[in-house]
Protein backbone atom coordinates (compact mmCIF):
# COMPACT_ATOMS: atom_id res chain seq x y z
CA UNK A 1 -8.19 150.27 10.11
CA UNK A 2 -6.38 149.29 6.96
CA UNK A 3 -3.72 146.86 5.75
CA UNK A 4 -0.49 148.05 4.17
CA UNK A 5 3.03 146.92 3.24
CA UNK A 6 5.15 150.10 3.74
CA UNK A 7 8.36 148.52 2.39
CA UNK A 8 7.63 145.76 -0.16
CA UNK A 9 10.26 143.01 -0.34
CA UNK A 10 12.39 142.77 -3.49
CA UNK A 11 12.69 138.98 -3.34
CA UNK A 12 10.52 137.11 -5.84
CA UNK A 13 7.85 134.77 -4.47
CA UNK A 14 8.88 131.94 -6.81
CA UNK A 15 12.44 132.05 -5.45
CA UNK A 16 11.28 131.38 -1.88
CA UNK A 17 11.12 127.88 -0.39
CA UNK A 18 7.65 126.55 0.63
CA UNK A 19 6.55 126.55 4.29
CA UNK A 20 3.38 125.54 6.11
CA UNK A 21 1.81 129.00 5.87
CA UNK A 22 3.52 130.37 2.76
CA UNK A 23 7.20 130.71 1.81
CA UNK A 24 10.56 131.37 3.52
CA UNK A 25 12.47 134.47 2.41
CA UNK A 26 16.23 133.91 2.46
CA UNK A 27 16.87 137.66 2.18
CA UNK A 28 14.87 138.59 5.29
CA UNK A 29 15.33 135.19 6.97
CA UNK A 30 11.65 135.05 7.89
CA UNK A 31 8.46 133.27 6.91
CA UNK A 32 6.18 135.07 4.46
CA UNK A 33 2.53 134.21 5.12
CA UNK A 34 0.42 133.82 1.97
CA UNK A 35 -2.59 136.10 2.59
CA UNK A 36 -3.76 136.17 -1.05
CA UNK A 37 -6.79 133.95 -0.36
CA UNK A 38 -7.64 135.51 3.02
CA UNK A 39 -10.42 137.99 3.69
CA UNK A 40 -9.33 141.43 4.87
CA UNK A 41 -10.98 141.06 8.29
CA UNK A 42 -9.21 137.72 8.84
CA UNK A 43 -5.82 139.27 8.01
CA UNK A 44 -6.40 142.08 10.50
CA UNK A 45 -7.40 139.65 13.26
CA UNK A 46 -4.36 137.47 12.56
CA UNK A 47 -1.96 140.40 12.78
CA UNK A 48 -3.61 141.82 15.92
CA UNK A 49 -3.37 138.44 17.68
CA UNK A 50 0.33 138.02 16.86
CA UNK A 51 2.92 139.76 19.01
CA UNK A 52 5.65 139.84 16.39
CA UNK A 53 6.42 141.30 12.99
CA UNK A 54 4.45 139.63 10.20
CA UNK A 55 5.68 139.39 6.64
CA UNK A 56 3.03 138.47 4.13
CA UNK A 57 1.98 138.27 0.51
CA UNK A 58 -1.19 140.23 -0.28
CA UNK A 59 -3.12 141.42 -3.29
CA UNK A 60 -3.63 145.17 -3.59
CA UNK A 61 -7.39 144.45 -3.74
CA UNK A 62 -8.92 142.46 -0.85
CA UNK A 63 -10.69 139.15 -1.10
CA UNK A 64 -14.44 139.63 -1.16
CA UNK A 65 -17.48 137.41 -0.92
CA UNK A 66 -17.67 136.09 -4.47
CA UNK A 67 -21.42 135.57 -4.20
CA UNK A 68 -22.09 139.20 -3.24
CA UNK A 69 -24.15 138.51 -0.13
CA UNK A 70 -26.29 141.33 1.19
CA UNK A 71 -24.08 141.53 4.27
CA UNK A 72 -21.00 142.26 2.16
CA UNK A 73 -22.58 145.13 0.26
CA UNK A 74 -24.18 146.66 3.36
CA UNK A 75 -21.06 146.51 5.51
CA UNK A 76 -19.60 150.02 5.67
CA UNK A 77 -16.97 148.84 8.12
CA UNK A 78 -15.67 146.30 5.59
CA UNK A 79 -15.42 149.01 2.95
CA UNK A 80 -13.46 151.27 5.28
CA UNK A 81 -11.05 148.48 6.24
CA UNK A 82 -10.42 147.63 2.62
CA UNK A 83 -10.24 151.20 1.36
CA UNK A 84 -6.48 151.54 1.53
CA UNK A 85 -6.02 148.48 -0.68
CA UNK A 86 -8.45 149.46 -3.41
CA UNK A 87 -6.79 151.28 -6.30
CA UNK A 88 -8.17 152.67 -9.53
CA UNK A 89 -9.64 150.04 -11.85
CA UNK A 90 -9.23 149.80 -15.60
CA UNK A 91 -11.53 148.23 -18.13
CA UNK A 92 -10.17 145.58 -20.47
CA UNK A 93 -12.75 145.48 -23.24
CA UNK A 94 -11.71 145.41 -26.90
CA UNK A 95 -14.13 147.05 -29.31
CA UNK A 96 -13.87 149.47 -32.21
CA UNK A 97 -16.89 151.32 -30.84
CA UNK A 98 -15.48 151.84 -27.37
CA UNK A 99 -15.00 155.33 -25.94
CA UNK A 100 -13.24 156.37 -22.73
CA UNK A 101 -14.61 158.43 -19.86
CA UNK A 102 -13.18 158.68 -16.32
CA UNK A 103 -11.31 155.35 -16.39
CA UNK A 104 -14.38 153.52 -17.66
CA UNK A 105 -14.93 152.21 -21.13
CA UNK A 106 -18.41 152.58 -22.59
CA UNK A 107 -19.05 149.69 -24.91
CA UNK A 108 -21.96 149.87 -27.34
CA UNK A 109 -23.53 146.45 -27.77
CA UNK A 110 -26.89 145.26 -29.01
CA UNK A 111 -29.47 143.08 -27.35
CA UNK A 112 -32.06 140.46 -28.24
CA UNK A 113 -35.58 141.36 -27.13
CA UNK A 114 -37.59 138.51 -25.66
CA UNK A 115 -41.13 138.81 -24.37
CA UNK A 116 -40.19 140.47 -21.09
CA UNK A 117 -36.41 140.48 -20.89
CA UNK A 118 -33.06 141.47 -22.37
CA UNK A 119 -30.45 138.75 -22.97
CA UNK A 120 -26.73 139.54 -22.91
CA UNK A 121 -24.10 136.89 -23.57
CA UNK A 122 -20.33 137.04 -23.33
CA UNK A 123 -17.07 135.54 -22.13
CA UNK A 124 -14.51 136.55 -19.48
CA UNK A 125 -10.81 135.81 -20.03
CA UNK A 126 -7.40 136.89 -18.78
CA UNK A 127 -4.76 138.68 -20.85
CA UNK A 128 -3.57 135.33 -22.26
CA UNK A 129 -7.10 134.57 -23.50
CA UNK A 130 -7.58 131.84 -20.89
CA UNK A 131 -11.22 131.56 -19.76
CA UNK A 132 -11.89 132.56 -16.15
CA UNK A 133 -14.25 130.21 -14.32
CA UNK A 134 -16.91 131.23 -11.78
CA UNK A 135 -16.39 134.99 -12.14
CA UNK A 136 -19.31 136.71 -10.34
CA UNK A 137 -21.21 139.40 -12.26
CA UNK A 138 -23.38 141.99 -10.56
CA UNK A 139 -25.45 145.04 -11.41
CA UNK A 140 -26.43 147.75 -8.95
CA UNK A 141 -24.92 145.69 -6.10
CA UNK A 142 -27.09 142.68 -6.96
CA UNK A 143 -25.51 139.36 -7.93
CA UNK A 144 -26.68 138.22 -11.39
CA UNK A 145 -24.65 135.19 -12.50
CA UNK A 146 -21.20 133.63 -12.76
CA UNK A 147 -19.16 132.40 -15.70
CA UNK A 148 -19.19 128.68 -16.54
CA UNK A 149 -16.27 126.28 -17.06
CA UNK A 150 -15.48 127.96 -20.39
CA UNK A 151 -15.70 131.52 -19.06
CA UNK A 152 -19.07 132.12 -20.75
CA UNK A 153 -22.06 133.85 -19.19
CA UNK A 154 -25.66 134.62 -20.08
CA UNK A 155 -27.64 137.40 -18.43
CA UNK A 156 -31.40 137.77 -18.71
CA UNK A 157 -32.57 141.13 -17.44
CA UNK A 158 -35.96 142.74 -17.13
CA UNK A 159 -36.46 145.36 -19.85
CA UNK A 160 -37.70 148.21 -17.66
CA UNK A 161 -37.02 150.58 -20.57
CA UNK A 162 -33.31 150.71 -19.73
CA UNK A 163 -31.05 152.53 -22.19
CA UNK A 164 -27.80 151.77 -20.36
CA UNK A 165 -26.63 149.33 -17.70
CA UNK A 166 -23.41 148.88 -15.71
CA UNK A 167 -22.02 145.40 -15.04
CA UNK A 168 -19.42 144.74 -12.35
CA UNK A 169 -16.92 141.90 -12.86
CA UNK A 170 -14.89 141.02 -9.73
CA UNK A 171 -12.50 138.10 -9.36
CA UNK A 172 -9.87 137.34 -6.74
CA UNK A 173 -6.39 138.08 -8.05
CA UNK A 174 -7.65 140.34 -10.85
CA UNK A 175 -8.61 143.99 -11.16
CA UNK A 176 -12.32 144.72 -10.86
CA UNK A 177 -13.99 146.01 -14.03
CA UNK A 178 -17.13 148.10 -14.40
CA UNK A 179 -18.54 147.84 -17.92
CA UNK A 180 -21.13 150.40 -18.96
CA UNK A 181 -23.25 149.07 -21.81
CA UNK A 182 -25.54 151.03 -24.11
CA UNK A 183 -28.43 148.94 -25.40
CA UNK A 184 -29.75 149.00 -28.96
CA UNK A 185 -32.62 147.25 -30.69
CA UNK A 186 -30.59 145.06 -33.02
CA UNK A 187 -28.96 141.63 -33.02
CA UNK A 188 -26.65 140.88 -30.12
CA UNK A 189 -22.86 140.69 -30.40
CA UNK A 190 -21.09 138.62 -27.73
CA UNK A 191 -19.41 140.73 -25.04
CA UNK A 192 -15.76 139.92 -24.29
CA UNK A 193 -14.35 141.04 -20.96
CA UNK A 194 -10.59 140.81 -20.35
CA UNK A 195 -9.46 141.02 -16.72
CA UNK A 196 -5.96 142.20 -15.84
CA UNK A 197 -4.06 140.39 -13.11
CA UNK A 198 -3.83 142.31 -9.87
CA UNK A 199 -0.51 143.37 -8.35
CA UNK A 200 0.78 141.23 -5.48
CA UNK A 201 2.80 142.84 -2.68
CA UNK A 202 5.31 140.97 -0.50
CA UNK A 203 6.69 142.49 2.70
CA UNK A 204 5.89 143.33 6.30
CA UNK A 205 2.12 143.57 6.75
CA UNK A 206 0.84 146.05 9.32
CA UNK A 207 -2.56 147.25 10.50
CA UNK A 208 -2.86 151.02 10.29
CA UNK A 209 -5.43 152.81 12.43
CA UNK A 210 -7.22 155.84 10.95
CA UNK A 211 -6.16 159.26 12.21
CA UNK A 212 -8.47 161.63 14.08
CA UNK A 213 -9.70 163.31 10.89
CA UNK A 214 -10.43 159.97 9.23
CA UNK A 215 -12.33 158.75 12.30
CA UNK A 216 -14.37 161.97 12.26
CA UNK A 217 -15.30 161.47 8.59
CA UNK A 218 -16.24 157.84 9.28
CA UNK A 219 -18.48 158.87 12.18
CA UNK A 220 -20.35 161.26 9.88
CA UNK A 221 -20.98 158.44 7.40
CA UNK A 222 -22.74 156.46 10.12
CA UNK A 223 -25.29 159.23 10.67
């Protein structure tokens, strides 16, 4: 099953009056539930347990477990539920050495060699250069660290003769970024990651069941 808003509302969120669960839309004369901080599974349960039309405000990317628990990464059902909301991601890294390949930006940076590890430092901000706090960073589906109060992070990785690594930056309300980094034996340059705000949809929220073909494909994935 998936979540969708087939006909997004044209009324702006800021123009709506506050209510207990969100805002009241004067155009539609209905309450708009603020789902932006809800998990996908919780939204689906809420809609299924309500016997009336639900208007809501949702991000195009679902809320995830910001600490990347093993259960989140192993849950194929969660991925299938969220699939319809996940759109293509774009990388927001500024560098004169950056090259593009399949919607990813490969950024050449250097690293500092310690006795048994590689240290990478950087900062995560939004488009207005405001630091983003507690942004989780992962590599190969393993949680590594989060940004501090100033948006800074420090990663210490085992050398393992790696020539390239991929870091995943995910934050609620922003597009997810995958940064592929080539490592060189020189002095480190701080890595700056800029996250773009995600699109927010407002309108009737419905739960869409997969068709027969989609259910068949999903059953094969369980084998």
